[in-house]
């Protein structure tokens, strides 16, 4: 089972005693194949719904339905063929084409882009790659899979549909999460968590509540590797250690920065975050993104000033004998788009979009002198090839160090992990984390609820 994306989600409590409605939602989603006819119809007024149904093959039945919500008009429309639905809505829209409704794709909680059905097919291929004959079944409704579970034979696998098609999975209401967890617990005797990327979330029916209900929970191979990698990094870390922090916003990583100062020897700052520090230090940064002059409310409800945070961090780093390296040149352009003629300065009207060649050499030299390196956050807009050199160079230097001299190298998840993969060097470092926010929380010294809920981490 898995929880993926952020679909609207059903309320299990509202559907658990109404199998017909739940099945109707499933049927609409499957049969319309992403066209969104019924969900579009459901958002119209009662008067308009009756007008459209008056043109249909069920006009006689529709005539007796009231205009008030809940009278059955949407159910009646859902019973029509796709072709008739399309023609009725085209008539209502004065002849718009078949793609008139692409924005209506969630079908009262289900989302065709987040279904795990393709995963079931891929899982079966993987499990049978060595000639085995493993049957992987798929439960299209994760909260109505009891009969499928009961019919499983030894050696067979059942994959549940995306758990987040029910909003109870990440509900703020603990009773709703607990009810979902209790239902899921009826399917199994053991719980294995391999989802490090969501282990930082407090409100989860699966990663937090389910192991408590079952009475036992252990970590899978991926989660175990994540834990071991961060233990290596944060435990008896080889020195000197360097932390490379990038990305856009300082307020997202200030707690991490402050926590790491006690464990590192050098702090490298890149990405848009660097422009906040440079602006505070009095440098001209043109039109580059920065947070200087802004403030935010932290998780404790305290208002914090960005400039003061940046200044205080530099003061704390100096007091802790931590060297801070900021970019000394930049790749710039007037807009955030590709260019064949980058410049290594930030004049008025330009913005910095990657670290420059001198900065790359400075950062590479620091990595080459380190025995442990943590990287979290890209150096520039690596998605555009012109501005990928900085991030790719960091990935390559970490990979070279790992392969040639056993550098302890860890890349926190999120965008830096994407950059490492795009560069082709992700497989050459010690570990690329699968969780961005989870990595940050763990590095800040926080206890991850999804891991804390487990009783067996071996």
Protein backbone atom coordinates (compact mmCIF):
# COMPACT_ATOMS: atom_id res chain seq x y z
CA UNK A 1 0.00 0.00 0.00
CA UNK A 2 1.09 3.57 -0.54
CA UNK A 3 -0.07 7.12 -0.02
CA UNK A 4 0.89 9.40 -2.92
CA UNK A 5 0.15 12.98 -3.93
CA UNK A 6 -2.52 15.22 -2.51
CA UNK A 7 -5.87 14.29 -4.05
CA UNK A 8 -9.04 15.72 -2.53
CA UNK A 9 -9.95 12.37 -0.97
CA UNK A 10 -13.21 10.85 0.26
CA UNK A 11 -14.30 10.80 3.87
CA UNK A 12 -14.38 7.13 4.86
CA UNK A 13 -16.79 7.89 7.68
CA UNK A 14 -19.27 9.27 5.14
CA UNK A 15 -19.03 6.28 2.78
CA UNK A 16 -18.38 3.24 4.95
CA UNK A 17 -22.09 2.43 5.23
CA UNK A 18 -23.01 3.39 1.66
CA UNK A 19 -21.45 0.81 -0.66
CA UNK A 20 -23.62 1.94 -3.58
CA UNK A 21 -22.33 5.52 -3.48
CA UNK A 22 -18.75 4.39 -3.07
CA UNK A 23 -19.05 2.05 -6.05
CA UNK A 24 -20.67 4.79 -8.11
CA UNK A 25 -17.69 7.08 -7.51
CA UNK A 26 -15.35 4.30 -8.61
CA UNK A 27 -17.36 3.53 -11.73
CA UNK A 28 -17.50 7.17 -12.81
CA UNK A 29 -13.74 7.47 -12.43
CA UNK A 30 -12.96 4.26 -14.34
CA UNK A 31 -15.45 4.65 -17.17
CA UNK A 32 -14.91 8.31 -18.01
CA UNK A 33 -11.13 7.82 -18.26
CA UNK A 34 -10.13 11.30 -17.16
CA UNK A 35 -12.69 13.32 -19.14
CA UNK A 36 -14.48 14.74 -16.09
CA UNK A 37 -18.02 14.86 -17.48
CA UNK A 38 -19.85 13.92 -14.30
CA UNK A 39 -17.79 16.04 -11.92
CA UNK A 40 -18.36 19.02 -14.23
CA UNK A 41 -22.09 18.32 -14.24
CA UNK A 42 -22.13 18.00 -10.45
CA UNK A 43 -20.94 21.61 -10.04
CA UNK A 44 -23.82 23.09 -12.03
CA UNK A 45 -26.95 24.52 -10.43
CA UNK A 46 -30.02 22.37 -9.97
CA UNK A 47 -31.89 24.37 -12.61
CA UNK A 48 -29.14 23.87 -15.20
CA UNK A 49 -28.86 20.17 -14.37
CA UNK A 50 -32.58 19.68 -15.04
CA UNK A 51 -32.25 21.60 -18.30
CA UNK A 52 -29.42 19.35 -19.52
CA UNK A 53 -31.18 16.17 -18.41
CA UNK A 54 -34.26 17.38 -20.30
CA UNK A 55 -32.26 16.90 -23.53
CA UNK A 56 -31.20 13.37 -22.59
CA UNK A 57 -32.49 9.84 -23.04
CA UNK A 58 -33.61 9.89 -19.39
CA UNK A 59 -35.62 13.11 -19.72
CA UNK A 60 -38.82 11.39 -18.60
CA UNK A 61 -37.24 10.30 -15.30
CA UNK A 62 -35.49 13.65 -14.80
CA UNK A 63 -38.74 15.55 -15.16
CA UNK A 64 -39.89 14.42 -11.71
CA UNK A 65 -36.64 15.27 -9.89
CA UNK A 66 -36.47 18.36 -7.68
CA UNK A 67 -33.92 21.12 -8.31
CA UNK A 68 -32.56 20.94 -4.73
CA UNK A 69 -29.22 19.27 -4.06
CA UNK A 70 -29.35 15.55 -3.34
CA UNK A 71 -32.40 14.82 -5.48
CA UNK A 72 -30.51 12.37 -7.73
CA UNK A 73 -29.78 14.46 -10.82
CA UNK A 74 -26.01 13.80 -10.81
CA UNK A 75 -26.58 10.07 -10.24
CA UNK A 76 -28.92 9.99 -13.21
CA UNK A 77 -26.41 11.85 -15.41
CA UNK A 78 -23.67 9.43 -14.32
CA UNK A 79 -25.72 6.50 -15.59
CA UNK A 80 -25.56 7.78 -19.18
CA UNK A 81 -22.99 6.62 -21.72
CA UNK A 82 -19.84 8.66 -22.16
CA UNK A 83 -20.86 9.64 -25.66
CA UNK A 84 -24.23 10.97 -24.51
CA UNK A 85 -22.62 12.86 -21.62
CA UNK A 86 -20.18 14.44 -24.03
CA UNK A 87 -22.87 15.50 -26.49
CA UNK A 88 -25.07 16.95 -23.74
CA UNK A 89 -22.27 19.02 -22.28
CA UNK A 90 -21.09 20.14 -25.73
CA UNK A 91 -24.63 21.35 -26.40
CA UNK A 92 -24.61 23.15 -23.06
CA UNK A 93 -21.20 24.67 -23.88
CA UNK A 94 -22.34 25.67 -27.36
CA UNK A 95 -20.25 23.05 -29.15
CA UNK A 96 -16.90 23.11 -27.34
CA UNK A 97 -14.60 20.18 -28.14
CA UNK A 98 -14.04 16.95 -26.25
CA UNK A 99 -11.28 18.50 -24.11
CA UNK A 100 -13.53 21.15 -22.61
CA UNK A 101 -13.35 19.69 -19.14
CA UNK A 102 -9.71 18.72 -18.38
CA UNK A 103 -9.76 20.63 -15.09
CA UNK A 104 -12.37 18.24 -13.66
CA UNK A 105 -10.22 15.18 -13.04
CA UNK A 106 -10.60 14.24 -9.40
CA UNK A 107 -13.97 12.47 -9.35
CA UNK A 108 -14.99 13.16 -5.76
CA UNK A 109 -11.68 12.06 -4.27
CA UNK A 110 -10.16 9.80 -6.94
CA UNK A 111 -7.46 11.14 -9.27
CA UNK A 112 -6.51 9.29 -12.45
CA UNK A 113 -3.00 10.77 -12.35
CA UNK A 114 -2.32 9.36 -8.88
CA UNK A 115 -3.70 5.85 -9.25
CA UNK A 116 -1.39 2.97 -8.35
CA UNK A 117 -2.80 0.66 -11.01
CA UNK A 118 0.32 1.01 -13.23
CA UNK A 119 2.42 0.19 -10.16
CA UNK A 120 0.64 -3.16 -9.82
CA UNK A 121 1.62 -4.10 -13.36
CA UNK A 122 5.23 -3.00 -12.84
CA UNK A 123 5.41 -4.83 -9.50
CA UNK A 124 4.27 -8.05 -11.11
CA UNK A 125 6.95 -7.71 -13.80
CA UNK A 126 9.65 -7.19 -11.19
CA UNK A 127 8.52 -10.05 -8.97
CA UNK A 128 8.47 -12.40 -11.96
CA UNK A 129 11.74 -11.21 -13.50
CA UNK A 130 13.61 -14.35 -12.37
CA UNK A 131 11.01 -16.73 -13.79
CA UNK A 132 8.76 -16.90 -10.72
CA UNK A 133 4.99 -16.95 -11.08
CA UNK A 134 3.76 -14.35 -8.58
CA UNK A 135 0.26 -12.99 -9.05
CA UNK A 136 -0.19 -9.33 -8.08
CA UNK A 137 -3.81 -8.38 -7.53
CA UNK A 138 -5.06 -4.80 -7.34
CA UNK A 139 -7.74 -3.47 -4.98
CA UNK A 140 -9.28 -0.44 -6.65
CA UNK A 141 -10.83 0.63 -3.34
CA UNK A 142 -8.31 0.41 -0.52
CA UNK A 143 -11.05 0.55 2.12
CA UNK A 144 -13.15 -2.22 0.60
CA UNK A 145 -10.56 -4.95 0.03
CA UNK A 146 -11.49 -7.45 2.76
CA UNK A 147 -12.82 -10.09 0.39
CA UNK A 148 -9.73 -9.83 -1.84
CA UNK A 149 -7.46 -10.22 1.19
CA UNK A 150 -9.38 -13.28 2.34
CA UNK A 151 -9.10 -14.93 -1.08
CA UNK A 152 -5.31 -14.50 -1.40
CA UNK A 153 -3.33 -17.70 -1.77
CA UNK A 154 0.17 -18.22 -0.33
CA UNK A 155 2.72 -16.35 -2.43
CA UNK A 156 0.21 -13.94 -3.94
CA UNK A 157 0.37 -10.15 -3.51
CA UNK A 158 -2.39 -7.56 -3.17
CA UNK A 159 -1.63 -3.91 -3.87
CA UNK A 160 -4.12 -1.42 -2.45
CA UNK A 161 -5.14 1.68 -4.38
CA UNK A 162 -3.68 5.03 -3.25
CA UNK A 163 -4.59 5.45 0.41
CA UNK A 164 -4.96 9.18 -0.03
CA UNK A 165 -8.04 8.69 -2.12
CA UNK A 166 -9.52 8.79 1.38
CA UNK A 167 -8.88 12.07 3.19
CA UNK A 168 -8.88 10.21 6.52
CA UNK A 169 -5.29 9.10 5.78
CA UNK A 170 -3.90 12.54 6.59
CA UNK A 171 -6.86 14.03 8.44
CA UNK A 172 -6.27 16.52 11.23
CA UNK A 173 -8.84 14.55 13.21
CA UNK A 174 -7.10 11.71 15.06
CA UNK A 175 -10.33 9.72 15.42
CA UNK A 176 -10.77 9.68 11.63
CA UNK A 177 -7.16 8.55 11.14
CA UNK A 178 -7.57 5.89 13.82
CA UNK A 179 -10.75 4.51 12.24
CA UNK A 180 -9.00 4.17 8.90
CA UNK A 181 -5.99 2.51 10.55
CA UNK A 182 -8.23 0.03 12.35
CA UNK A 183 -9.90 -0.93 9.09
CA UNK A 184 -6.55 -1.37 7.29
CA UNK A 185 -5.23 -3.39 10.24
CA UNK A 186 -7.94 -5.98 9.61
CA UNK A 187 -6.12 -6.91 6.38
CA UNK A 188 -2.78 -7.94 7.88
CA UNK A 189 -0.77 -9.25 10.81
CA UNK A 190 2.46 -7.28 10.27
CA UNK A 191 3.32 -3.73 9.25
CA UNK A 192 6.52 -2.79 7.39
CA UNK A 193 7.21 0.91 6.74
CA UNK A 194 9.50 1.72 3.83
CA UNK A 195 8.26 5.29 3.25
CA UNK A 196 11.01 7.51 4.65
CA UNK A 197 9.75 10.42 2.56
CA UNK A 198 6.55 10.66 4.64
CA UNK A 199 7.95 9.59 8.01
CA UNK A 200 8.09 13.21 9.20
CA UNK A 201 4.33 13.65 8.98
CA UNK A 202 2.49 13.60 12.28
CA UNK A 203 -1.00 13.15 10.84
CA UNK A 204 -0.92 9.81 9.02
CA UNK A 205 -3.29 6.90 9.45
CA UNK A 206 -0.74 4.51 8.00
CA UNK A 207 2.76 5.49 9.08
CA UNK A 208 1.77 6.63 12.61
CA UNK A 209 -1.54 5.03 13.64
CA UNK A 210 -1.41 1.66 11.84
CA UNK A 211 1.62 0.16 13.64
CA UNK A 212 0.07 1.18 16.95
CA UNK A 213 -3.19 -0.58 16.07
CA UNK A 214 -1.44 -3.74 14.86
CA UNK A 215 0.83 -3.66 17.87
CA UNK A 216 4.03 -4.06 15.90
CA UNK A 217 5.90 -2.24 13.16
CA UNK A 218 9.28 -2.64 11.51
CA UNK A 219 11.27 -0.78 8.87
CA UNK A 220 11.86 -1.96 5.32
CA UNK A 221 15.19 -2.04 3.52
CA UNK A 222 14.99 1.54 2.22
CA UNK A 223 13.98 3.02 5.57
CA UNK A 224 16.72 1.05 7.29
CA UNK A 225 19.29 2.40 4.83
CA UNK A 226 18.09 5.95 5.41
CA UNK A 227 18.42 5.58 9.18
CA UNK A 228 21.85 3.97 8.96
CA UNK A 229 23.12 6.64 6.55
CA UNK A 230 22.09 9.51 8.78
CA UNK A 231 23.44 7.75 11.87
CA UNK A 232 26.80 7.53 10.08
CA UNK A 233 26.61 11.21 9.21
CA UNK A 234 25.38 12.57 12.53
CA UNK A 235 27.12 10.12 14.83
CA UNK A 236 30.90 9.84 14.95
CA UNK A 237 31.32 11.84 11.74
CA UNK A 238 34.69 11.86 9.96
CA UNK A 239 36.21 15.34 10.04
CA UNK A 240 36.52 17.73 8.40
CA UNK A 241 32.82 17.76 7.46
CA UNK A 242 31.20 20.12 4.98
CA UNK A 243 27.51 20.95 4.62
CA UNK A 244 26.34 22.35 1.28
CA UNK A 245 23.03 24.19 1.53
CA UNK A 246 21.15 25.57 -1.46
CA UNK A 247 17.63 26.10 -2.61
CA UNK A 248 15.51 29.23 -2.46
CA UNK A 249 14.37 30.06 1.05
CA UNK A 250 16.40 30.65 4.18
CA UNK A 251 13.35 30.34 6.44
CA UNK A 252 12.91 26.72 5.31
CA UNK A 253 16.40 25.76 6.47
CA UNK A 254 17.33 28.11 9.30
CA UNK A 255 16.74 25.46 11.98
CA UNK A 256 18.86 23.01 10.02
CA UNK A 257 21.65 25.55 9.59
CA UNK A 258 21.72 26.39 13.28
CA UNK A 259 21.73 22.71 14.26
CA UNK A 260 24.51 21.78 11.82
CA UNK A 261 26.92 24.43 13.10
CA UNK A 262 27.73 22.13 16.01
CA UNK A 263 28.73 19.28 13.70
CA UNK A 264 30.49 20.77 10.68
CA UNK A 265 33.73 22.54 9.80
CA UNK A 266 32.64 24.33 6.63
CA UNK A 267 29.28 25.64 5.45
CA UNK A 268 28.84 26.19 1.71
CA UNK A 269 25.83 28.26 0.67
CA UNK A 270 24.52 28.41 -2.89
CA UNK A 271 21.29 28.72 -4.78
CA UNK A 272 18.90 31.63 -4.28
CA UNK A 273 19.45 31.37 -0.53
CA UNK A 274 22.94 32.80 -1.03
CA UNK A 275 21.55 36.10 -2.33
CA UNK A 276 19.89 36.80 1.00
CA UNK A 277 23.27 36.53 2.74
CA UNK A 278 24.98 38.58 0.03
CA UNK A 279 22.31 41.29 0.18
CA UNK A 280 22.61 41.51 3.96
CA UNK A 281 26.41 41.78 3.55
CA UNK A 282 25.97 44.77 1.22
CA UNK A 283 26.61 43.16 -2.16
CA UNK A 284 24.69 44.16 -5.31
CA UNK A 285 22.50 41.25 -6.39
CA UNK A 286 20.48 42.86 -9.20
CA UNK A 287 17.06 41.27 -9.62
CA UNK A 288 18.05 37.97 -7.98
CA UNK A 289 15.53 36.32 -5.70
CA UNK A 290 16.18 37.05 -2.03
CA UNK A 291 14.36 37.29 1.31
CA UNK A 292 16.22 40.28 2.73
CA UNK A 293 13.87 42.68 4.49
CA UNK A 294 11.23 40.00 5.04
CA UNK A 295 10.04 38.24 8.16
CA UNK A 296 8.07 35.08 8.89
CA UNK A 297 6.34 33.32 11.78
CA UNK A 298 8.15 30.15 12.81
CA UNK A 299 6.53 26.91 13.97
CA UNK A 300 6.52 28.18 17.54
CA UNK A 301 4.49 31.26 16.59
CA UNK A 302 7.43 33.64 16.93
CA UNK A 303 7.96 36.37 14.33
CA UNK A 304 11.52 36.24 12.96
CA UNK A 305 13.36 38.76 10.80
CA UNK A 306 15.28 37.27 7.87
CA UNK A 307 18.11 39.81 7.94
CA UNK A 308 18.72 39.24 11.63
CA UNK A 309 18.67 35.46 11.12
CA UNK A 310 21.26 35.68 8.35
CA UNK A 311 23.50 38.02 10.36
CA UNK A 312 23.19 35.94 13.54
CA UNK A 313 23.97 32.74 11.66
CA UNK A 314 27.23 34.20 10.37
CA UNK A 315 28.09 35.34 13.90
CA UNK A 316 27.32 31.88 15.35
CA UNK A 317 29.37 30.22 12.60
CA UNK A 318 32.39 32.38 13.43
CA UNK A 319 31.99 31.62 17.13
CA UNK A 320 31.85 27.89 16.32
CA UNK A 321 34.95 28.10 14.08
CA UNK A 322 32.86 27.15 11.05
CA UNK A 323 34.05 28.61 7.76
CA UNK A 324 31.19 29.98 5.61
CA UNK A 325 31.68 30.07 1.84
CA UNK A 326 29.39 32.24 -0.31
CA UNK A 327 29.44 32.54 -4.13
CA UNK A 328 32.13 34.82 -5.53
CA UNK A 329 30.71 34.91 -9.06
CA UNK A 330 27.46 34.02 -10.78
CA UNK A 331 25.85 32.96 -14.03
CA UNK A 332 23.25 35.63 -14.81
CA UNK A 333 20.54 36.57 -17.23
CA UNK A 334 17.74 39.13 -17.42
CA UNK A 335 15.04 36.45 -17.15
CA UNK A 336 14.89 32.89 -15.86
CA UNK A 337 15.33 31.24 -19.26
CA UNK A 338 18.08 29.57 -21.27
CA UNK A 339 20.91 31.65 -22.72
CA UNK A 340 24.09 30.86 -24.65
CA UNK A 341 26.02 33.84 -23.26
CA UNK A 342 25.99 33.79 -19.44
CA UNK A 343 27.80 36.52 -17.51
CA UNK A 344 29.69 36.06 -14.26
CA UNK A 345 28.38 39.12 -12.39
CA UNK A 346 25.04 40.57 -11.37
CA UNK A 347 24.57 44.03 -12.90
CA UNK A 348 21.36 45.97 -12.47
CA UNK A 349 18.47 44.27 -14.25
CA UNK A 350 20.06 40.81 -14.12
CA UNK A 351 19.47 37.88 -11.80
CA UNK A 352 21.82 35.17 -10.61
CA UNK A 353 20.67 31.74 -11.80
CA UNK A 354 23.70 29.55 -11.03
CA UNK A 355 27.05 29.78 -9.28
CA UNK A 356 29.91 30.91 -11.53
CA UNK A 357 33.14 29.11 -12.54
CA UNK A 358 35.31 30.60 -9.79
CA UNK A 359 32.73 29.63 -7.18
CA UNK A 360 32.55 26.10 -8.59
CA UNK A 361 36.31 25.71 -8.22
CA UNK A 362 36.20 27.13 -4.69
CA UNK A 363 33.46 24.70 -3.64
CA UNK A 364 35.12 21.73 -5.35
CA UNK A 365 38.37 22.43 -3.50
CA UNK A 366 36.50 22.45 -0.20
CA UNK A 367 34.79 19.12 -1.00
CA UNK A 368 38.16 17.62 -2.00
CA UNK A 369 39.54 18.53 1.44
CA UNK A 370 36.58 17.05 3.35
CA UNK A 371 36.02 13.55 4.67
CA UNK A 372 32.23 13.90 4.96
CA UNK A 373 29.85 16.02 2.87
CA UNK A 374 26.11 16.63 3.18
CA UNK A 375 24.34 18.36 0.29
CA UNK A 376 20.78 19.72 0.53
CA UNK A 377 19.48 22.14 -2.09
CA UNK A 378 20.63 22.91 -5.67
CA UNK A 379 23.13 25.62 -6.60
CA UNK A 380 20.97 27.08 -9.37
CA UNK A 381 18.08 26.53 -11.75
CA UNK A 382 19.46 23.14 -12.81
CA UNK A 383 16.32 22.23 -14.75
CA UNK A 384 17.59 24.59 -17.48
CA UNK A 385 20.87 23.24 -18.94
CA UNK A 386 22.52 26.66 -18.99
CA UNK A 387 22.24 26.87 -15.21
CA UNK A 388 22.93 23.24 -14.31
CA UNK A 389 26.74 23.38 -14.25
CA UNK A 390 27.00 24.38 -10.59
CA UNK A 391 24.77 21.63 -9.22
CA UNK A 392 26.18 19.00 -11.58
CA UNK A 393 29.74 19.94 -10.61
CA UNK A 394 28.92 19.48 -6.93
CA UNK A 395 27.42 16.05 -7.67
CA UNK A 396 30.46 14.99 -9.70
CA UNK A 397 32.96 16.14 -7.08
CA UNK A 398 31.08 14.25 -4.36
CA UNK A 399 30.94 11.16 -6.58
CA UNK A 400 34.65 11.37 -7.36
CA UNK A 401 35.51 11.74 -3.69
CA UNK A 402 33.36 8.77 -2.74
CA UNK A 403 34.84 6.49 -5.37
CA UNK A 404 38.46 7.57 -5.04
CA UNK A 405 38.97 8.19 -1.31
CA UNK A 406 35.89 6.86 0.54
CA UNK A 407 34.29 10.24 1.15
CA UNK A 408 31.15 9.89 3.30
CA UNK A 409 28.70 11.58 0.95
CA UNK A 410 24.97 12.03 1.50
CA UNK A 411 22.53 13.98 -0.63
CA UNK A 412 19.31 15.02 1.07
CA UNK A 413 16.20 14.32 -0.97
CA UNK A 414 14.15 16.78 -3.00
CA UNK A 415 15.65 19.00 -5.69
CA UNK A 416 19.30 18.21 -4.87
CA UNK A 417 18.54 14.51 -5.35
CA UNK A 418 16.89 15.31 -8.69
CA UNK A 419 19.95 17.31 -9.74
CA UNK A 420 22.28 14.45 -8.77
CA UNK A 421 20.25 11.98 -10.84
CA UNK A 422 20.13 14.31 -13.84
CA UNK A 423 23.91 14.76 -13.62
CA UNK A 424 24.47 11.00 -13.78
CA UNK A 425 26.43 10.90 -10.52
CA UNK A 426 23.74 9.88 -8.02
CA UNK A 427 24.88 6.24 -8.05
CA UNK A 428 28.45 7.25 -7.21
CA UNK A 429 27.78 8.79 -3.79
CA UNK A 430 27.14 6.90 -0.54
CA UNK A 431 23.46 7.72 -0.26
CA UNK A 432 20.78 9.78 -1.99
CA UNK A 433 17.87 10.24 0.37
CA UNK A 434 14.31 9.56 -0.77
CA UNK A 435 12.82 12.25 1.47
CA UNK A 436 13.33 15.99 1.22
CA UNK A 437 11.34 17.34 4.17
CA UNK A 438 11.97 14.16 6.18
CA UNK A 439 15.71 14.60 5.68
CA UNK A 440 15.57 18.20 6.88
CA UNK A 441 13.62 17.29 10.01
CA UNK A 442 16.01 14.44 10.82
CA UNK A 443 19.05 16.64 10.29
CA UNK A 444 17.51 19.26 12.57
CA UNK A 445 17.54 16.63 15.31
CA UNK A 446 13.79 16.04 15.29
CA UNK A 447 12.18 12.67 16.01
CA UNK A 448 10.25 11.48 12.96
CA UNK A 449 6.77 10.23 14.01
CA UNK A 450 6.71 7.50 11.35
CA UNK A 451 9.95 6.03 12.69
CA UNK A 452 9.09 6.60 16.33
CA UNK A 453 5.92 4.50 15.85
CA UNK A 454 7.99 1.43 14.93
CA UNK A 455 9.24 -1.05 17.54
CA UNK A 456 11.71 -2.92 15.31
CA UNK A 457 14.33 -0.97 13.38
CA UNK A 458 16.70 -3.89 12.81
